[in-house]
Amino acid sequence: MKKLLLTAAMATFVMMGSAALAGSGHYVSGVEGIKAATLPPEGIYWRMYNVLYTADDLRDKNGKEIDVDFDVNVYALVNRLVYSSGIELLGANLVADICVPLVYTDISMKAGGMTLFDDNEFGLGDILIEPAILAWHGPRYDAALGVGVYLPTGDFDADEPASPGKGFWTGMLTAGATFYFDEAKTWSISALSRYEIHSEQEDTDVTYGNDFHFEWGLGKTLAKTWDVGLAGYCRWQLTDDSGPGTTNDREEAYAIGPEVSVFVPEWGLGVSMRSLWEFENKVNSQGNVTTLMIMKAF
């Protein structure tokens, strides 16, 4: 029994790598929330995301908790610059952005009286560039379609599970829409999907399977400045990992929680906060992700 426990724990160690916050992929589900698919009108915008992920249990391929002493805390400070141009293509605004993350990870795991790892690291993560996003705005809807790429700019070491970088490139496709139930746009429902394709990871010769993210939100606007509602996400690994030590087990993650946001037009300033609790995860950690986002329009 002890041998089986250690085998499962070591397999989990291989799976974890630098994947605590976003699974084996790059994109962190749940950071957009209500009206996730709604992009701003023409202008320049700065967004600062403060993302905290905490978890103290791991789930196996059946969604059962693995009997190990596990703990992870990840804080990411992500600065995002968004340029919504006046260029029109197919009836949509052409938008581009760049996201620069600073990541702190503290992660440890013990099993069978052995410390498998205990590591903490801080540094520049992998930068996201989205050079082309089409953003539509209609009387009762908003929609978005775009492409992006994660650059392996963060430090990565296969022997350091808290590495701020992941050691591979990721191409990402984005599509989503927000629909409004009334002409005043006080009730909204949104869906935002992301599809990730990963390159081979340096040093390990492992290529992680493709990931599909689905974020959703249901919101109500109050007094024209406040939004409250529910947000959540689903994430599925759609293809198998390949390379040394990999298995056919695929990751899954689900989360739901409340959100509140406020926008002050006179200041061009917005703040949103949401806290999402994960459930029914598979081949991954299971915990809570809380996001505080500050936005300034210029």
Foldseek 3Di string as FASTA:
>chain_A
DQVVLVVVVVLLLLQLQQQAQPGLDDDHPPQQAAPSFADDAAFKKKKKKWKKWWFQFFFALQRDTRPKGKIKIKIKIKIKIKGFHPDDDPQFTWIWMKIKIWMWMFIWIGGPNGTPDTAIDIGTEWMKTWRTKTWHDDQFKIKIWTKMKTHQPWDHDSSHSNGRYNQWMKIKIKIKMKGAPDSVRFKIKIKIKMKIAIDQGPPFRKGAAIKMKIKMWIWGDDPNFKIKTKIKMKMWRDAFMDGPSGDRRIWIKIWMWIKMKGADVVQQKIKMKIKIFIGSIHSHTGGIMIMIMIMHTD
